Protein backbone atom coordinates (compact mmCIF):
# COMPACT_ATOMS: atom_id res chain seq x y z
CA UNK A 1 -25.39 -139.36 41.32
CA UNK A 2 -24.03 -142.77 40.58
CA UNK A 3 -20.38 -143.67 40.42
CA UNK A 4 -20.66 -143.92 36.62
CA UNK A 5 -22.21 -140.45 36.39
CA UNK A 6 -19.41 -139.01 38.50
CA UNK A 7 -16.82 -140.68 36.30
CA UNK A 8 -18.43 -139.29 33.15
CA UNK A 9 -18.59 -135.81 34.72
CA UNK A 10 -14.95 -135.91 35.77
CA UNK A 11 -13.92 -137.10 32.32
CA UNK A 12 -15.91 -134.32 30.68
CA UNK A 13 -14.42 -131.66 32.94
CA UNK A 14 -10.95 -133.00 32.29
CA UNK A 15 -11.48 -132.74 28.54
CA UNK A 16 -12.87 -129.20 28.81
CA UNK A 17 -10.06 -128.02 31.08
CA UNK A 18 -7.52 -129.64 28.80
CA UNK A 19 -8.99 -127.85 25.78
CA UNK A 20 -8.92 -124.54 27.64
CA UNK A 21 -5.30 -125.10 28.61
CA UNK A 22 -4.36 -125.92 25.02
CA UNK A 23 -6.18 -122.84 23.71
CA UNK A 24 -4.57 -120.62 26.33
CA UNK A 25 -1.16 -122.09 25.59
CA UNK A 26 -1.64 -121.50 21.86
CA UNK A 27 -2.80 -117.92 22.48
CA UNK A 28 0.17 -117.23 24.76
CA UNK A 29 2.59 -118.69 22.22
CA UNK A 30 0.98 -116.72 19.38
CA UNK A 31 1.16 -113.48 21.37
CA UNK A 32 4.82 -114.03 22.21
CA UNK A 33 5.64 -114.84 18.59
CA UNK A 34 3.81 -111.71 17.38
CA UNK A 35 5.72 -109.59 19.88
CA UNK A 36 9.04 -111.12 18.80
CA UNK A 37 8.19 -110.57 15.13
CA UNK A 38 7.28 -106.93 15.81
CA UNK A 39 10.50 -106.25 17.70
CA UNK A 40 12.58 -108.08 15.09
CA UNK A 41 11.14 -106.04 12.24
CA UNK A 42 11.55 -102.72 14.06
CA UNK A 43 15.24 -103.45 14.55
CA UNK A 44 15.76 -104.61 10.98
CA UNK A 45 15.57 -101.44 8.88
CA UNK A 46 18.83 -99.68 9.71
CA UNK A 47 18.55 -95.92 9.30
CA UNK A 48 15.35 -96.09 7.24
CA UNK A 49 12.07 -94.73 8.58
CA UNK A 50 9.13 -97.04 8.07
CA UNK A 51 6.76 -97.29 11.02
CA UNK A 52 6.24 -100.89 12.11
CA UNK A 53 2.85 -101.31 13.78
CA UNK A 54 2.18 -105.00 13.46
CA UNK A 55 -1.50 -105.23 14.39
CA UNK A 56 -3.83 -104.18 11.56
CA UNK A 57 -6.88 -104.43 13.83
CA UNK A 58 -5.64 -101.67 16.15
CA UNK A 59 -3.82 -99.53 13.58
CA UNK A 60 -5.24 -96.18 14.70
CA UNK A 61 -4.60 -96.71 18.41
CA UNK A 62 -1.10 -98.03 17.78
CA UNK A 63 -0.29 -95.18 15.40
CA UNK A 64 -1.44 -92.54 17.89
CA UNK A 65 0.52 -94.26 20.66
CA UNK A 66 3.71 -94.20 18.58
CA UNK A 67 3.06 -90.52 17.81
CA UNK A 68 2.63 -89.70 21.51
CA UNK A 69 5.69 -91.71 22.59
CA UNK A 70 8.03 -90.49 19.82
CA UNK A 71 11.62 -90.02 20.99
CA UNK A 72 13.07 -88.45 17.84
CA UNK A 73 10.68 -85.47 17.80
CA UNK A 74 8.89 -85.28 21.18
CA UNK A 75 5.68 -83.32 20.82
CA UNK A 76 6.20 -82.96 17.05
CA UNK A 77 6.35 -79.19 17.42
CA UNK A 78 7.74 -78.69 13.91
CA UNK A 79 5.07 -80.85 12.24
CA UNK A 80 2.23 -78.88 10.64
CA UNK A 81 -1.03 -80.65 9.68
CA UNK A 82 -1.17 -80.40 5.88
CA UNK A 83 -4.65 -78.87 5.86
CA UNK A 84 -3.42 -76.08 8.15
CA UNK A 85 -0.31 -75.23 6.14
CA UNK A 86 -0.40 -71.55 5.11
CA UNK A 87 1.78 -68.60 4.12
CA UNK A 88 2.70 -67.88 7.73
CA UNK A 89 4.52 -71.21 7.94
CA UNK A 90 6.89 -70.30 5.10
CA UNK A 91 10.09 -68.29 5.73
CA UNK A 92 9.18 -64.61 5.50
CA UNK A 93 11.22 -64.02 2.33
CA UNK A 94 9.34 -66.82 0.55
CA UNK A 95 5.76 -66.07 1.51
CA UNK A 96 4.23 -66.17 -1.95
CA UNK A 97 1.04 -67.80 -3.20
CA UNK A 98 3.19 -69.51 -5.84
CA UNK A 99 5.33 -71.45 -3.38
CA UNK A 100 2.35 -72.11 -1.09
CA UNK A 101 0.46 -73.58 -4.05
CA UNK A 102 3.42 -75.81 -4.88
CA UNK A 103 3.53 -77.31 -1.38
CA UNK A 104 -0.25 -77.68 -1.14
CA UNK A 105 -0.37 -79.46 -4.49
CA UNK A 106 2.28 -82.00 -3.50
CA UNK A 107 0.57 -82.44 -0.11
CA UNK A 108 -2.78 -83.17 -1.77
CA UNK A 109 -1.15 -86.05 -3.68
CA UNK A 110 0.83 -87.44 -0.74
CA UNK A 111 -0.41 -90.86 0.38
CA UNK A 112 -0.01 -93.19 3.33
CA UNK A 113 1.12 -96.71 2.45
CA UNK A 114 0.09 -99.67 4.62
CA UNK A 115 2.19 -102.67 3.61
CA UNK A 116 0.76 -105.86 5.10
CA UNK A 117 3.36 -108.37 3.89
CA UNK A 118 7.14 -108.64 3.63
CA UNK A 119 8.31 -110.25 0.40
CA UNK A 120 10.34 -113.45 0.39
CA UNK A 121 12.47 -111.85 -2.34
CA UNK A 122 14.05 -109.16 -0.14
CA UNK A 123 17.80 -109.79 -0.36
CA UNK A 124 20.12 -110.31 2.57
CA UNK A 125 21.28 -107.00 3.99
CA UNK A 126 18.16 -105.18 2.76
CA UNK A 127 15.66 -103.75 5.30
CA UNK A 128 13.22 -106.32 6.76
CA UNK A 129 15.20 -109.26 5.36
CA UNK A 130 14.67 -111.19 8.61
CA UNK A 131 10.89 -110.64 8.41
CA UNK A 132 10.45 -112.21 4.97
CA UNK A 133 7.15 -114.01 4.53
CA UNK A 134 5.64 -112.43 7.64
CA UNK A 135 2.52 -110.29 7.88
CA UNK A 136 3.79 -107.62 10.25
CA UNK A 137 2.38 -104.29 9.07
CA UNK A 138 4.69 -101.41 8.22
CA UNK A 139 3.70 -97.97 6.97
CA UNK A 140 5.41 -95.40 4.81
CA UNK A 141 4.58 -92.48 2.56
CA UNK A 142 4.56 -91.73 -1.16
CA UNK A 143 2.85 -89.53 -3.73
CA UNK A 144 0.59 -89.88 -6.77
CA UNK A 145 2.44 -89.17 -10.01
CA UNK A 146 -0.14 -89.84 -12.73
CA UNK A 147 -3.37 -91.62 -13.63
CA UNK A 148 -4.36 -93.83 -16.59
CA UNK A 149 -7.95 -94.67 -17.56
CA UNK A 150 -8.67 -98.34 -18.40
CA UNK A 151 -11.68 -100.12 -19.91
CA UNK A 152 -12.89 -103.69 -19.62
CA UNK A 153 -13.44 -105.85 -16.52
CA UNK A 154 -11.78 -104.23 -13.51
CA UNK A 155 -8.87 -106.21 -12.04
CA UNK A 156 -9.29 -105.20 -8.40
CA UNK A 157 -10.02 -107.92 -5.84
CA UNK A 158 -13.53 -106.64 -5.22
CA UNK A 159 -14.46 -106.88 -8.89
CA UNK A 160 -12.73 -110.22 -9.41
CA UNK A 161 -15.00 -111.68 -6.71
CA UNK A 162 -18.21 -110.64 -8.50
CA UNK A 163 -19.94 -111.50 -11.78
CA UNK A 164 -20.59 -107.82 -12.50
CA UNK A 165 -17.19 -106.08 -12.34
CA UNK A 166 -16.79 -102.40 -13.12
CA UNK A 167 -15.93 -101.81 -16.77
CA UNK A 168 -14.15 -98.48 -16.29
CA UNK A 169 -11.28 -98.20 -13.85
CA UNK A 170 -8.01 -96.38 -13.36
CA UNK A 171 -4.37 -97.23 -12.76
CA UNK A 172 -2.80 -94.70 -10.39
CA UNK A 173 1.00 -94.52 -10.34
CA UNK A 174 2.60 -93.94 -6.95
CA UNK A 175 6.23 -93.07 -6.22
CA UNK A 176 7.92 -94.13 -2.99
CA UNK A 177 11.13 -95.74 -1.70
CA UNK A 178 12.09 -99.31 -2.59
CA UNK A 179 12.52 -100.31 1.06
CA UNK A 180 8.84 -99.37 1.64
CA UNK A 181 7.35 -101.38 -1.25
CA UNK A 182 9.90 -103.86 -2.56
CA UNK A 183 8.11 -105.80 -5.31
CA UNK A 184 4.75 -106.83 -6.72
CA UNK A 185 4.18 -109.35 -3.92
CA UNK A 186 4.26 -106.43 -1.47
CA UNK A 187 2.41 -104.02 -3.78
CA UNK A 188 -0.55 -106.40 -3.94
CA UNK A 189 -0.70 -106.36 -0.14
CA UNK A 190 -0.45 -102.57 0.10
CA UNK A 191 -3.32 -100.22 0.90
CA UNK A 192 -2.84 -96.69 -0.45
CA UNK A 193 -4.64 -94.09 1.68
CA UNK A 194 -5.42 -90.77 -0.02
CA UNK A 195 -6.57 -87.51 1.65
CA UNK A 196 -5.77 -88.73 5.17
CA UNK A 197 -5.73 -85.25 6.73
CA UNK A 198 -6.57 -83.99 10.22
CA UNK A 199 -8.34 -80.63 10.55
CA UNK A 200 -6.25 -79.22 13.40
CA UNK A 201 -3.22 -80.18 15.50
CA UNK A 202 -4.08 -82.57 18.29
CA UNK A 203 -7.66 -83.22 17.11
CA UNK A 204 -7.04 -86.92 16.58
CA UNK A 205 -7.70 -88.94 13.46
CA UNK A 206 -11.40 -89.82 13.57
CA UNK A 207 -12.48 -87.05 11.19
CA UNK A 208 -9.48 -87.69 8.96
CA UNK A 209 -10.39 -91.36 8.56
CA UNK A 210 -13.96 -90.58 7.50
CA UNK A 211 -12.70 -88.46 4.58
CA UNK A 212 -9.92 -90.85 3.60
CA UNK A 213 -10.11 -92.85 0.38
CA UNK A 214 -8.20 -96.12 -0.10
CA UNK A 215 -6.83 -97.73 -3.25
CA UNK A 216 -5.39 -101.24 -3.57
CA UNK A 217 -1.84 -101.82 -4.80
CA UNK A 218 -1.49 -103.85 -7.99
CA UNK A 219 2.10 -104.23 -9.22
CA UNK A 220 5.56 -102.67 -9.16
CA UNK A 221 6.54 -101.27 -12.55
CA UNK A 222 10.02 -99.84 -11.78
CA UNK A 223 12.33 -100.34 -8.82
CA UNK A 224 15.98 -99.76 -8.03
CA UNK A 225 17.35 -101.26 -4.82
CA UNK A 226 20.64 -99.37 -4.97
CA UNK A 227 18.95 -96.01 -5.47
CA UNK A 228 16.07 -96.91 -3.10
CA UNK A 229 13.43 -95.92 -5.67
CA UNK A 230 10.12 -97.57 -6.48
CA UNK A 231 7.09 -96.75 -8.58
CA UNK A 232 4.03 -98.97 -8.58
CA UNK A 233 0.46 -99.03 -9.82
CA UNK A 234 -2.58 -99.13 -7.62
CA UNK A 235 -6.11 -99.60 -8.90
CA UNK A 236 -9.45 -97.90 -8.29
CA UNK A 237 -12.88 -97.54 -9.87
CA UNK A 238 -13.84 -94.62 -7.60
CA UNK A 239 -14.74 -91.84 -10.07
CA UNK A 240 -14.94 -89.16 -7.36
CA UNK A 241 -11.45 -89.99 -6.08
CA UNK A 242 -10.01 -89.93 -9.60
CA UNK A 243 -11.66 -86.59 -10.37
CA UNK A 244 -10.11 -85.02 -7.27
CA UNK A 245 -6.65 -86.37 -8.04
CA UNK A 246 -6.87 -85.29 -11.67
CA UNK A 247 -7.74 -81.75 -10.62
CA UNK A 248 -4.55 -81.64 -8.58
CA UNK A 249 -2.54 -83.10 -11.46
CA UNK A 250 -3.86 -80.42 -13.84
CA UNK A 251 -3.07 -77.70 -11.31
CA UNK A 252 0.48 -79.03 -11.07
CA UNK A 253 0.93 -78.84 -14.83
CA UNK A 254 -0.13 -75.18 -14.67
CA UNK A 255 2.42 -74.35 -11.97
CA UNK A 256 4.72 -71.59 -13.23
CA UNK A 257 8.25 -72.82 -13.81
CA UNK A 258 10.06 -69.93 -12.20
CA UNK A 259 9.60 -69.72 -8.43
CA UNK A 260 9.57 -65.99 -7.86
CA UNK A 261 11.78 -64.77 -5.04
CA UNK A 262 13.74 -68.01 -4.87
CA UNK A 263 16.88 -66.60 -6.47
CA UNK A 264 17.33 -63.88 -3.84
CA UNK A 265 16.51 -66.36 -1.07
CA UNK A 266 19.08 -68.92 -2.20
CA UNK A 267 21.79 -66.25 -2.40
CA UNK A 268 21.34 -65.25 1.24
CA UNK A 269 19.93 -68.28 3.07
CA UNK A 270 20.27 -72.05 3.29
CA UNK A 271 18.27 -73.65 0.43
CA UNK A 272 14.69 -74.53 1.33
CA UNK A 273 13.71 -78.20 1.73
CA UNK A 274 10.16 -79.36 2.55
CA UNK A 275 8.86 -82.85 3.43
CA UNK A 276 5.21 -84.00 3.35
CA UNK A 277 4.66 -87.33 5.10
CA UNK A 278 2.57 -89.57 7.34
CA UNK A 279 4.80 -89.87 10.45
CA UNK A 280 3.99 -92.93 12.57
CA UNK A 281 1.17 -93.73 10.11
CA UNK A 282 -0.53 -90.60 11.44
CA UNK A 283 -2.44 -87.98 9.44
CA UNK A 284 -0.51 -85.97 6.84
CA UNK A 285 2.08 -83.45 8.12
CA UNK A 286 4.40 -80.85 6.57
CA UNK A 287 7.88 -79.98 7.87
CA UNK A 288 10.19 -77.22 6.68
CA UNK A 289 13.98 -77.21 6.82
CA UNK A 290 17.12 -76.71 4.77
CA UNK A 291 18.98 -78.67 2.14
CA UNK A 292 22.52 -79.31 3.38
CA UNK A 293 24.20 -81.11 0.48
CA UNK A 294 24.20 -84.28 -1.54
CA UNK A 295 25.75 -87.72 -1.57
CA UNK A 296 28.59 -88.71 -3.85
CA UNK A 297 27.46 -88.90 -7.46
CA UNK A 298 27.28 -92.28 -9.15
CA UNK A 299 28.75 -93.07 -12.57
CA UNK A 300 25.95 -91.24 -14.42
CA UNK A 301 25.89 -88.19 -12.17
CA UNK A 302 22.95 -89.10 -9.94
CA UNK A 303 23.01 -88.39 -6.22
CA UNK A 304 20.83 -88.21 -3.14
CA UNK A 305 20.01 -85.18 -1.01
CA UNK A 306 20.92 -84.49 2.60
CA UNK A 307 18.74 -82.07 4.55
CA UNK A 308 17.79 -80.84 8.00
CA UNK A 309 14.03 -81.22 7.74
CA UNK A 310 12.31 -83.14 10.53
CA UNK A 311 11.00 -86.64 9.78
CA UNK A 312 9.89 -89.63 11.84
CA UNK A 313 9.27 -93.31 11.34
CA UNK A 314 6.49 -93.48 8.77
CA UNK A 315 8.14 -90.77 6.64
CA UNK A 316 10.02 -93.25 4.43
CA UNK A 317 9.14 -92.69 0.77
CA UNK A 318 7.66 -89.24 1.41
CA UNK A 319 8.11 -86.45 -1.16
CA UNK A 320 11.13 -84.26 -0.35
CA UNK A 321 10.65 -80.97 -2.21
CA UNK A 322 13.75 -79.06 -3.25
CA UNK A 323 13.62 -76.00 -5.54
CA UNK A 324 16.75 -75.98 -7.70
CA UNK A 325 18.24 -74.15 -10.66
CA UNK A 326 17.85 -75.63 -14.13
CA UNK A 327 18.41 -74.45 -17.68
CA UNK A 328 15.15 -74.33 -19.66
CA UNK A 329 15.29 -73.15 -23.29
CA UNK A 330 18.53 -71.35 -22.58
CA UNK A 331 17.19 -69.56 -19.49
CA UNK A 332 18.24 -70.24 -15.90
CA UNK A 333 15.08 -70.88 -13.87
CA UNK A 334 14.08 -72.32 -10.50
CA UNK A 335 12.06 -75.54 -10.64
CA UNK A 336 10.83 -77.88 -7.89
CA UNK A 337 12.39 -81.34 -7.81
CA UNK A 338 11.03 -84.15 -5.64
CA UNK A 339 12.95 -87.12 -4.20
CA UNK A 340 11.59 -89.92 -1.96
CA UNK A 341 12.74 -89.70 1.66
CA UNK A 342 15.00 -92.65 2.48
CA UNK A 343 16.22 -92.39 6.06
CA UNK A 344 17.84 -90.56 8.94
CA UNK A 345 21.57 -90.04 9.34
CA UNK A 346 23.19 -88.61 12.48
CA UNK A 347 22.87 -85.22 14.17
CA UNK A 348 19.49 -84.36 12.67
CA UNK A 349 20.52 -84.84 9.05
CA UNK A 350 18.25 -86.88 6.77
CA UNK A 351 18.87 -88.61 3.45
CA UNK A 352 16.78 -89.00 0.30
CA UNK A 353 16.81 -91.77 -2.26
CA UNK A 354 19.20 -91.23 -5.17
CA UNK A 355 17.62 -89.01 -7.82
CA UNK A 356 17.74 -89.36 -11.57
CA UNK A 357 15.13 -92.03 -12.24
CA UNK A 358 12.45 -89.46 -11.44
CA UNK A 359 13.93 -86.17 -12.69
CA UNK A 360 10.69 -84.31 -11.90
CA UNK A 361 7.61 -84.92 -9.81
């Protein structure tokens, strides 16, 4: 090898090693920044209960790890997989098919929300303000309220990218908390997972994921930052998914107004309060507890609920089911009312969003 060849070889090796060093330095910097962003967002939600996972590519592993390492509810002994919820899980005095059907219906319409972007419009002092503009994933829960059929070229991203879009599609309205999905910028980056249910406790999420259906968020239609309420549309052209959801909606409309046995129960026990959620972004779970009171009413008489029903990060926005007395056609009856879960207070007490915008489920 000549002196010139050696010089060329050394120069080439120097360039390669320099490129490797630059790439490694960039990767190290990127990893550190991602870790900082993840920690910053987890600390920036106050008493609210979104789950911040950060890495979309390892969502399942990260979710299961957060479930296993949970400090608030180690072992999640009070969490019942929604598909396993049955009469035996209800308090003995309330073991009726009527109340079981109510919970199962709400559970069937409960969804997991994967929000892949934090809006630049989040105001100072609001959860995740310091993560504005970042793509650090957080998850929450919500529920399907109603469905509207639409005709013409579908507006989902998949159809907009093709010359042959679907011509029949549906807008599905979802209710959640405002701190979970803040505005349309976030709604458009939100995946709405339906029927994410595990078969049995501790069986993992593989089977649940294969049955899961996903809709894409479209736009926020109503929000209230002070009350922590949000409703937004997502979009789908999956006829099978819509048929299943519509069956549950029709069943809900047929639910009898009076919850038999509830009057005697409320006279002698703490009022029942049930939460259906996706804790830690995990498969759907049901928890049962008691309503403990309400927050101070605002100027138009609206208030939030307080309750001792177990929740975890990932439960934000979940349906909180509270049977309560109402006057219907001059008769005093018991009807189910649903509020979005907002956050955790101290000593095991949780807090809902302020009701009134959504007087019924």
